[in-house]
C-alpha cells in the first residue's frame, strides 16, 4: 500500500495552492503528512525550517552554511540584513534570504537525491467564449497584480453569459 511504502512505483499529484516555492517543497519534509516516499534529508528539513524562520537562521547559521551549495551568497545576504537599519531594506533582504534557503533545499531535492520522477505537469486547456463571464484564468485583487488561478476553480455562482456570442 502507498502509506506503508509497499510499492515499486506510485503515482501522486499535487497542485500548488499558493504562489510560493514552499507549496511544493514542504511536501518532502521527513515524515511529513504528504511525503509517502520514505525519503528524508536532515539538511533539507533544516533549510525549510530556516526559510520559515529567517531570524533563527540569522542567529545560528553555522550548520546550514557548512552544508550549503552557495554559502557565500547566503553569508552575503545575511550580512546585508545585519548591516541594514531600515525596516524596508531589512524586510527585502529577509525575503531574498528566504528564497535562497528554499533554492538550496530545491537543489537537494531535484539535483542531488531526486526521490521523485515528474512524469507530467497539469495544464489548463480551456476555451471560453468571450461572452462567458466569471470564468477566470487569472484572479484579480485590489492589492496586487493579477495572479494565476492555480486551483482552476470557477464557482458556478459567478459564471454567467452576457449578450450574444460573436
N, C-alpha and C. Protein backbone atom coordinates (compact mmCIF):
# COMPACT_ATOMS: atom_id res chain seq x y z
N UNK A 1 0.83 -1.18 0.00
CA UNK A 1 0.00 0.00 0.00
C UNK A 1 0.88 1.25 0.00
N UNK A 2 0.31 2.34 -0.42
CA UNK A 2 1.01 3.60 -0.58
C UNK A 2 1.61 4.10 0.74
N UNK A 3 0.83 4.16 1.78
CA UNK A 3 1.29 4.68 3.07
C UNK A 3 2.33 3.80 3.75
N UNK A 4 2.27 2.51 3.52
CA UNK A 4 3.25 1.61 4.15
C UNK A 4 4.51 1.45 3.29
N UNK A 5 4.58 2.19 2.20
CA UNK A 5 5.73 2.18 1.29
C UNK A 5 5.91 0.83 0.61
N UNK A 6 4.83 0.06 0.49
CA UNK A 6 4.88 -1.26 -0.15
C UNK A 6 4.53 -1.10 -1.63
N UNK A 7 5.46 -0.55 -2.39
CA UNK A 7 5.25 -0.35 -3.82
C UNK A 7 6.60 -0.19 -4.50
N UNK A 8 6.63 -0.47 -5.79
CA UNK A 8 7.82 -0.23 -6.59
C UNK A 8 7.74 1.12 -7.29
N UNK A 9 6.53 1.47 -7.70
CA UNK A 9 6.29 2.74 -8.38
C UNK A 9 4.90 3.21 -7.99
N UNK A 10 4.76 4.48 -7.72
CA UNK A 10 3.48 5.01 -7.30
C UNK A 10 3.23 6.34 -8.00
N UNK A 11 1.98 6.63 -8.25
CA UNK A 11 1.60 7.90 -8.86
C UNK A 11 0.98 8.80 -7.80
N UNK A 12 1.34 10.05 -7.84
CA UNK A 12 0.76 11.03 -6.94
C UNK A 12 0.63 12.34 -7.70
N UNK A 13 -0.17 13.22 -7.22
CA UNK A 13 -0.32 14.53 -7.84
C UNK A 13 -0.41 15.60 -6.79
N UNK A 14 -0.06 16.81 -7.19
CA UNK A 14 -0.12 17.95 -6.27
C UNK A 14 -0.36 19.20 -7.08
N UNK A 15 -1.21 20.03 -6.58
CA UNK A 15 -1.47 21.33 -7.20
C UNK A 15 -1.10 22.38 -6.16
N UNK A 16 -0.23 23.28 -6.53
CA UNK A 16 0.15 24.34 -5.61
C UNK A 16 -1.04 25.21 -5.30
N UNK A 17 -1.31 25.42 -4.03
CA UNK A 17 -2.48 26.21 -3.67
C UNK A 17 -2.14 27.64 -3.29
N UNK A 18 -0.88 28.01 -3.38
CA UNK A 18 -0.47 29.40 -3.22
C UNK A 18 0.83 29.59 -4.00
N UNK A 19 1.10 30.82 -4.39
CA UNK A 19 2.24 31.11 -5.24
C UNK A 19 3.50 31.30 -4.42
N UNK A 20 4.16 30.19 -4.15
CA UNK A 20 5.39 30.22 -3.38
C UNK A 20 6.06 28.86 -3.55
N UNK A 21 7.38 28.82 -3.64
CA UNK A 21 8.06 27.52 -3.78
C UNK A 21 7.74 26.55 -2.65
N UNK A 22 7.45 27.09 -1.48
CA UNK A 22 7.19 26.24 -0.32
C UNK A 22 6.00 25.30 -0.53
N UNK A 23 5.04 25.68 -1.35
CA UNK A 23 3.87 24.83 -1.57
C UNK A 23 4.26 23.47 -2.15
N UNK A 24 5.38 23.43 -2.87
CA UNK A 24 5.87 22.16 -3.41
C UNK A 24 6.99 21.58 -2.56
N UNK A 25 7.83 22.39 -2.00
CA UNK A 25 8.97 21.89 -1.22
C UNK A 25 8.55 21.29 0.11
N UNK A 26 7.53 21.84 0.72
CA UNK A 26 7.08 21.38 2.04
C UNK A 26 6.55 19.94 2.01
N UNK A 27 6.16 19.46 0.85
CA UNK A 27 5.65 18.09 0.71
C UNK A 27 6.69 17.06 1.17
N UNK A 28 7.96 17.36 0.95
CA UNK A 28 9.01 16.36 1.11
C UNK A 28 9.73 16.40 2.45
N UNK A 29 9.19 17.13 3.41
CA UNK A 29 9.76 17.13 4.77
C UNK A 29 9.78 15.69 5.29
N UNK A 30 10.83 15.32 5.97
CA UNK A 30 10.94 13.97 6.53
C UNK A 30 9.73 13.65 7.39
N UNK A 31 9.09 12.54 7.11
CA UNK A 31 7.90 12.07 7.83
C UNK A 31 6.72 13.03 7.75
N UNK A 32 6.73 13.93 6.78
CA UNK A 32 5.61 14.85 6.60
C UNK A 32 4.35 14.10 6.17
N UNK A 33 3.22 14.66 6.44
CA UNK A 33 1.94 14.01 6.13
C UNK A 33 1.73 13.73 4.66
N UNK A 34 2.34 14.49 3.78
CA UNK A 34 2.19 14.27 2.34
C UNK A 34 3.37 13.54 1.72
N UNK A 35 4.40 13.28 2.49
CA UNK A 35 5.58 12.60 1.99
C UNK A 35 5.44 11.09 2.23
N UNK A 36 4.97 10.40 1.22
CA UNK A 36 4.80 8.94 1.33
C UNK A 36 5.89 8.21 0.56
N UNK A 37 7.08 8.81 0.47
CA UNK A 37 8.18 8.19 -0.26
C UNK A 37 9.16 7.48 0.66
N UNK A 38 9.15 7.83 1.93
CA UNK A 38 10.15 7.29 2.84
C UNK A 38 11.44 8.10 2.79
N UNK A 39 11.52 9.06 1.88
CA UNK A 39 12.72 9.87 1.74
C UNK A 39 12.77 10.94 2.84
N UNK A 40 13.95 11.24 3.27
CA UNK A 40 14.16 12.30 4.23
C UNK A 40 15.60 12.77 4.16
N UNK A 41 15.82 14.02 4.52
CA UNK A 41 17.16 14.59 4.50
C UNK A 41 17.22 15.69 5.55
N UNK A 42 18.11 15.55 6.50
CA UNK A 42 18.22 16.49 7.61
C UNK A 42 18.51 17.91 7.13
N UNK A 43 19.43 18.07 6.19
CA UNK A 43 19.78 19.40 5.70
C UNK A 43 18.57 20.02 5.01
N UNK A 44 17.88 19.26 4.20
CA UNK A 44 16.67 19.73 3.52
C UNK A 44 15.65 20.23 4.55
N UNK A 45 15.40 19.40 5.55
CA UNK A 45 14.44 19.77 6.59
C UNK A 45 14.85 21.07 7.29
N UNK A 46 16.11 21.19 7.60
CA UNK A 46 16.60 22.39 8.30
C UNK A 46 16.52 23.63 7.40
N UNK A 47 16.76 23.44 6.10
CA UNK A 47 16.64 24.58 5.18
C UNK A 47 15.21 25.09 5.13
N UNK A 48 14.24 24.19 5.09
CA UNK A 48 12.85 24.61 5.07
C UNK A 48 12.46 25.26 6.40
N UNK A 49 12.98 24.72 7.48
CA UNK A 49 12.72 25.32 8.79
C UNK A 49 13.30 26.74 8.84
N UNK A 50 14.52 26.90 8.33
CA UNK A 50 15.17 28.21 8.32
C UNK A 50 14.42 29.19 7.42
N UNK A 51 13.91 28.71 6.29
CA UNK A 51 13.15 29.58 5.40
C UNK A 51 11.87 30.05 6.08
N UNK A 52 11.35 29.24 6.98
CA UNK A 52 10.15 29.61 7.73
C UNK A 52 10.44 30.54 8.90
N UNK A 53 11.71 30.63 9.29
CA UNK A 53 12.09 31.49 10.40
C UNK A 53 13.49 32.04 10.12
N UNK A 54 13.55 33.04 9.26
CA UNK A 54 14.83 33.60 8.82
C UNK A 54 15.61 34.20 9.99
N UNK A 55 14.91 34.79 10.96
CA UNK A 55 15.58 35.35 12.14
C UNK A 55 16.38 34.28 12.87
N UNK A 56 15.81 33.09 12.98
CA UNK A 56 16.51 31.99 13.65
C UNK A 56 17.77 31.62 12.87
N UNK A 57 17.66 31.57 11.56
CA UNK A 57 18.83 31.28 10.74
C UNK A 57 19.91 32.34 10.95
N UNK A 58 19.50 33.60 10.98
CA UNK A 58 20.48 34.68 11.16
C UNK A 58 21.21 34.57 12.49
N UNK A 59 20.54 34.06 13.52
CA UNK A 59 21.19 33.95 14.83
C UNK A 59 22.08 32.72 14.94
N UNK A 60 21.84 31.71 14.10
CA UNK A 60 22.65 30.50 14.18
C UNK A 60 22.74 29.82 12.81
N UNK A 61 23.55 30.38 11.90
CA UNK A 61 23.61 29.86 10.53
C UNK A 61 24.65 28.77 10.29
N UNK A 62 25.44 28.44 11.26
CA UNK A 62 26.63 27.61 11.05
C UNK A 62 26.34 26.29 10.34
N UNK A 63 25.38 25.51 10.85
CA UNK A 63 25.12 24.19 10.29
C UNK A 63 24.75 24.28 8.81
N UNK A 64 23.85 25.17 8.49
CA UNK A 64 23.41 25.27 7.10
C UNK A 64 24.49 25.85 6.20
N UNK A 65 25.27 26.79 6.69
CA UNK A 65 26.36 27.32 5.88
C UNK A 65 27.40 26.24 5.59
N UNK A 66 27.60 25.36 6.55
CA UNK A 66 28.55 24.25 6.37
C UNK A 66 28.08 23.29 5.27
N UNK A 67 26.76 23.15 5.09
CA UNK A 67 26.21 22.20 4.14
C UNK A 67 25.65 22.85 2.87
N UNK A 68 25.74 24.15 2.76
CA UNK A 68 25.14 24.86 1.62
C UNK A 68 25.98 24.71 0.36
N UNK A 69 25.31 24.76 -0.77
CA UNK A 69 25.98 24.75 -2.07
C UNK A 69 26.49 26.15 -2.41
N UNK A 70 25.79 27.17 -1.93
CA UNK A 70 26.15 28.57 -2.19
C UNK A 70 26.32 29.32 -0.85
N UNK A 71 27.26 28.89 -0.02
CA UNK A 71 27.38 29.54 1.29
C UNK A 71 27.75 31.02 1.20
N UNK A 72 28.54 31.40 0.21
CA UNK A 72 28.95 32.80 0.08
C UNK A 72 27.74 33.70 -0.17
N UNK A 73 26.82 33.24 -0.99
CA UNK A 73 25.62 34.04 -1.28
C UNK A 73 24.75 34.18 -0.03
N UNK A 74 24.60 33.10 0.73
CA UNK A 74 23.83 33.16 1.97
C UNK A 74 24.49 34.10 2.97
N UNK A 75 25.81 34.01 3.12
CA UNK A 75 26.54 34.88 4.05
C UNK A 75 26.39 36.34 3.64
N UNK A 76 26.52 36.61 2.35
CA UNK A 76 26.44 37.99 1.87
C UNK A 76 25.06 38.59 2.17
N UNK A 77 24.01 37.84 1.88
CA UNK A 77 22.66 38.35 2.15
C UNK A 77 22.45 38.53 3.65
N UNK A 78 22.93 37.59 4.45
CA UNK A 78 22.80 37.70 5.91
C UNK A 78 23.52 38.95 6.41
N UNK A 79 24.70 39.22 5.89
CA UNK A 79 25.46 40.41 6.31
C UNK A 79 24.74 41.69 5.90
N UNK A 80 24.15 41.70 4.72
CA UNK A 80 23.38 42.88 4.28
C UNK A 80 22.21 43.14 5.23
N UNK A 81 21.56 42.07 5.65
CA UNK A 81 20.43 42.22 6.57
C UNK A 81 20.92 42.77 7.90
N UNK A 82 21.98 42.20 8.43
CA UNK A 82 22.52 42.65 9.72
C UNK A 82 22.97 44.11 9.67
N UNK A 83 23.50 44.52 8.51
CA UNK A 83 24.02 45.89 8.38
C UNK A 83 22.92 46.91 8.14
N UNK A 84 21.75 46.45 7.78
CA UNK A 84 20.66 47.37 7.45
C UNK A 84 19.95 47.87 8.69
N UNK A 85 19.72 49.18 8.71
CA UNK A 85 18.98 49.76 9.83
C UNK A 85 17.57 50.17 9.41
N UNK A 86 17.30 50.11 8.12
CA UNK A 86 15.98 50.48 7.61
C UNK A 86 15.09 49.24 7.49
N UNK A 87 13.89 49.34 8.04
CA UNK A 87 12.98 48.19 8.07
C UNK A 87 12.66 47.66 6.68
N UNK A 88 12.47 48.55 5.73
CA UNK A 88 12.13 48.13 4.37
C UNK A 88 13.26 47.33 3.72
N UNK A 89 14.49 47.81 3.88
CA UNK A 89 15.65 47.09 3.34
C UNK A 89 15.83 45.75 4.04
N UNK A 90 15.63 45.75 5.33
CA UNK A 90 15.78 44.52 6.12
C UNK A 90 14.75 43.47 5.67
N UNK A 91 13.51 43.90 5.47
CA UNK A 91 12.46 43.00 5.01
C UNK A 91 12.78 42.45 3.63
N UNK A 92 13.25 43.31 2.73
CA UNK A 92 13.62 42.86 1.38
C UNK A 92 14.76 41.85 1.46
N UNK A 93 15.72 42.10 2.32
CA UNK A 93 16.84 41.17 2.49
C UNK A 93 16.39 39.83 3.05
N UNK A 94 15.47 39.87 4.00
CA UNK A 94 14.97 38.63 4.59
C UNK A 94 14.16 37.82 3.57
N UNK A 95 13.43 38.52 2.72
CA UNK A 95 12.70 37.83 1.65
C UNK A 95 13.68 37.17 0.69
N UNK A 96 14.73 37.89 0.34
CA UNK A 96 15.76 37.33 -0.55
C UNK A 96 16.42 36.12 0.08
N UNK A 97 16.78 36.23 1.36
CA UNK A 97 17.44 35.13 2.07
C UNK A 97 16.51 33.92 2.14
N UNK A 98 15.24 34.14 2.40
CA UNK A 98 14.26 33.04 2.45
C UNK A 98 14.24 32.29 1.12
N UNK A 99 14.22 33.02 0.02
CA UNK A 99 14.21 32.37 -1.30
C UNK A 99 15.52 31.65 -1.58
N UNK A 100 16.64 32.19 -1.10
CA UNK A 100 17.92 31.50 -1.25
C UNK A 100 17.92 30.18 -0.48
N UNK A 101 17.37 30.18 0.71
CA UNK A 101 17.29 28.96 1.52
C UNK A 101 16.40 27.92 0.82
N UNK A 102 15.27 28.38 0.27
CA UNK A 102 14.39 27.46 -0.46
C UNK A 102 15.09 26.92 -1.71
N UNK A 103 15.88 27.74 -2.36
CA UNK A 103 16.63 27.31 -3.53
C UNK A 103 17.65 26.23 -3.16
N UNK A 104 18.28 26.40 -2.02
CA UNK A 104 19.22 25.37 -1.52
C UNK A 104 18.49 24.05 -1.30
N UNK A 105 17.31 24.12 -0.72
CA UNK A 105 16.52 22.90 -0.48
C UNK A 105 16.12 22.26 -1.80
N UNK A 106 15.70 23.07 -2.73
CA UNK A 106 15.30 22.56 -4.05
C UNK A 106 16.45 21.83 -4.73
N UNK A 107 17.66 22.36 -4.59
CA UNK A 107 18.83 21.72 -5.19
C UNK A 107 19.04 20.31 -4.62
N UNK A 108 18.83 20.15 -3.33
CA UNK A 108 18.95 18.82 -2.72
C UNK A 108 17.89 17.89 -3.30
N UNK A 109 16.67 18.40 -3.39
CA UNK A 109 15.54 17.58 -3.85
C UNK A 109 15.67 17.16 -5.31
N UNK A 110 15.96 18.10 -6.19
CA UNK A 110 15.90 17.77 -7.63
C UNK A 110 17.25 17.58 -8.31
N UNK A 111 18.34 17.93 -7.63
CA UNK A 111 19.65 17.73 -8.25
C UNK A 111 20.46 16.63 -7.58
N UNK A 112 20.37 16.55 -6.26
CA UNK A 112 21.21 15.61 -5.53
C UNK A 112 20.55 14.25 -5.31
N UNK A 113 19.35 14.25 -4.78
CA UNK A 113 18.76 13.00 -4.32
C UNK A 113 17.57 12.53 -5.13
N UNK A 114 16.77 13.40 -5.62
CA UNK A 114 15.68 13.12 -6.54
C UNK A 114 14.79 11.93 -6.18
N UNK A 115 14.05 12.03 -5.08
CA UNK A 115 13.20 10.91 -4.66
C UNK A 115 11.89 10.81 -5.45
N UNK A 116 11.75 11.61 -6.48
CA UNK A 116 10.53 11.61 -7.28
C UNK A 116 10.89 11.74 -8.75
N UNK A 117 9.95 11.35 -9.60
CA UNK A 117 10.14 11.48 -11.04
C UNK A 117 8.93 12.20 -11.61
N UNK A 118 9.07 13.48 -11.94
CA UNK A 118 7.92 14.17 -12.54
C UNK A 118 7.67 13.62 -13.94
N UNK A 119 6.51 13.03 -14.12
CA UNK A 119 6.17 12.45 -15.42
C UNK A 119 5.37 13.41 -16.29
N UNK A 120 4.56 14.20 -15.66
CA UNK A 120 3.78 15.18 -16.41
C UNK A 120 3.39 16.31 -15.48
N UNK A 121 2.97 17.39 -16.07
CA UNK A 121 2.54 18.56 -15.33
C UNK A 121 1.13 18.89 -15.74
N UNK A 122 0.31 19.23 -14.77
CA UNK A 122 -1.06 19.61 -15.07
C UNK A 122 -1.07 20.89 -15.92
N UNK A 123 -1.96 20.91 -16.87
CA UNK A 123 -2.15 22.09 -17.68
C UNK A 123 -3.64 22.39 -17.74
N UNK A 124 -3.93 23.61 -18.06
CA UNK A 124 -5.32 24.01 -18.19
C UNK A 124 -5.55 24.38 -19.65
N UNK A 125 -6.38 23.61 -20.32
CA UNK A 125 -6.76 23.92 -21.68
C UNK A 125 -8.25 24.20 -21.68
N UNK A 126 -8.57 25.44 -21.73
CA UNK A 126 -9.98 25.80 -21.71
C UNK A 126 -10.27 26.82 -22.79
N UNK A 127 -11.34 26.57 -23.49
CA UNK A 127 -11.79 27.54 -24.47
C UNK A 127 -13.12 28.09 -23.97
N UNK A 128 -13.15 29.38 -23.76
CA UNK A 128 -14.34 30.01 -23.21
C UNK A 128 -14.70 31.17 -24.13
N UNK A 129 -15.94 31.18 -24.56
CA UNK A 129 -16.39 32.28 -25.43
C UNK A 129 -16.28 33.60 -24.69
N UNK A 130 -16.01 34.67 -25.40
CA UNK A 130 -15.82 35.98 -24.77
C UNK A 130 -17.03 36.47 -23.96
N UNK A 131 -18.23 36.00 -24.30
CA UNK A 131 -19.40 36.49 -23.57
C UNK A 131 -19.67 35.68 -22.29
N UNK A 132 -18.84 34.68 -22.01
CA UNK A 132 -18.95 33.95 -20.75
C UNK A 132 -18.11 34.69 -19.71
N UNK A 133 -18.74 35.14 -18.66
CA UNK A 133 -18.06 35.91 -17.62
C UNK A 133 -18.01 35.09 -16.34
N UNK A 134 -17.02 35.39 -15.50
CA UNK A 134 -16.90 34.70 -14.23
C UNK A 134 -16.05 33.44 -14.30
N UNK A 135 -15.46 33.16 -15.45
CA UNK A 135 -14.54 32.04 -15.63
C UNK A 135 -13.16 32.66 -15.76
N UNK A 136 -12.34 32.53 -14.73
CA UNK A 136 -11.10 33.30 -14.67
C UNK A 136 -9.86 32.43 -14.76
N UNK A 137 -9.02 32.70 -15.74
CA UNK A 137 -7.70 32.08 -15.81
C UNK A 137 -6.76 32.79 -14.84
N UNK A 138 -7.05 34.07 -14.60
CA UNK A 138 -6.26 34.87 -13.65
C UNK A 138 -7.22 35.45 -12.63
N UNK A 139 -6.73 35.61 -11.42
CA UNK A 139 -7.52 36.21 -10.34
C UNK A 139 -7.03 37.63 -10.13
N UNK A 140 -7.94 38.54 -9.97
CA UNK A 140 -7.59 39.93 -9.74
C UNK A 140 -7.90 40.30 -8.31
N UNK A 141 -7.04 41.12 -7.75
CA UNK A 141 -7.28 41.59 -6.39
C UNK A 141 -6.98 43.08 -6.32
N UNK A 142 -7.44 43.72 -5.28
CA UNK A 142 -7.21 45.15 -5.12
C UNK A 142 -5.79 45.45 -4.68
N UNK A 143 -5.09 44.46 -4.12
CA UNK A 143 -3.79 44.73 -3.53
C UNK A 143 -2.60 44.22 -4.33
N UNK A 144 -2.77 43.96 -5.61
CA UNK A 144 -1.63 43.50 -6.39
C UNK A 144 -2.00 43.15 -7.81
N UNK A 145 -1.01 42.70 -8.56
CA UNK A 145 -1.26 42.35 -9.96
C UNK A 145 -2.07 41.06 -10.07
N UNK A 146 -2.69 40.83 -11.22
CA UNK A 146 -3.42 39.56 -11.41
C UNK A 146 -2.47 38.39 -11.20
N UNK A 147 -3.01 37.30 -10.67
CA UNK A 147 -2.20 36.10 -10.45
C UNK A 147 -2.95 34.89 -10.99
N UNK A 148 -2.22 33.84 -11.24
CA UNK A 148 -2.81 32.64 -11.83
C UNK A 148 -3.86 32.03 -10.91
N UNK A 149 -4.88 31.47 -11.49
CA UNK A 149 -5.92 30.74 -10.76
C UNK A 149 -5.41 29.30 -10.61
N UNK A 150 -4.48 29.11 -9.67
CA UNK A 150 -3.76 27.84 -9.54
C UNK A 150 -4.67 26.64 -9.31
N UNK A 151 -5.73 26.84 -8.59
CA UNK A 151 -6.64 25.71 -8.30
C UNK A 151 -7.65 25.49 -9.43
N UNK A 152 -7.63 26.37 -10.41
CA UNK A 152 -8.56 26.27 -11.54
C UNK A 152 -10.00 26.14 -11.05
N UNK A 153 -10.33 26.97 -10.08
CA UNK A 153 -11.68 26.94 -9.52
C UNK A 153 -12.51 28.08 -10.12
N UNK A 154 -13.71 27.72 -10.50
CA UNK A 154 -14.63 28.66 -11.12
C UNK A 154 -16.02 28.42 -10.53
N UNK A 155 -16.33 29.05 -9.39
CA UNK A 155 -17.63 28.80 -8.75
C UNK A 155 -18.78 29.09 -9.71
N UNK A 156 -19.71 28.16 -9.79
CA UNK A 156 -20.84 28.30 -10.71
C UNK A 156 -21.64 29.56 -10.43
N UNK A 157 -21.68 30.00 -9.19
CA UNK A 157 -22.45 31.20 -8.86
C UNK A 157 -21.91 32.44 -9.57
N UNK A 158 -20.64 32.40 -9.99
CA UNK A 158 -20.01 33.55 -10.64
C UNK A 158 -20.06 33.49 -12.17
N UNK A 159 -20.38 32.34 -12.72
CA UNK A 159 -20.37 32.19 -14.19
C UNK A 159 -21.72 32.61 -14.75
N UNK A 160 -21.62 33.43 -15.80
CA UNK A 160 -22.84 33.92 -16.44
C UNK A 160 -22.55 34.22 -17.92
N UNK A 161 -23.59 34.34 -18.69
CA UNK A 161 -23.46 34.68 -20.11
C UNK A 161 -24.02 36.08 -20.30
N UNK A 162 -23.21 36.93 -20.91
CA UNK A 162 -23.65 38.30 -21.16
C UNK A 162 -23.75 38.52 -22.67
N UNK A 163 -24.88 39.01 -23.10
CA UNK A 163 -25.06 39.30 -24.52
C UNK A 163 -25.02 38.03 -25.36
N UNK A 164 -24.78 38.20 -26.63
CA UNK A 164 -24.71 37.04 -27.53
C UNK A 164 -23.28 36.83 -27.96
N UNK A 165 -22.97 35.60 -28.31
CA UNK A 165 -21.62 35.24 -28.74
C UNK A 165 -21.31 35.89 -30.09
N UNK A 166 -20.09 36.34 -30.30
CA UNK A 166 -19.72 36.95 -31.58
C UNK A 166 -19.73 35.93 -32.71
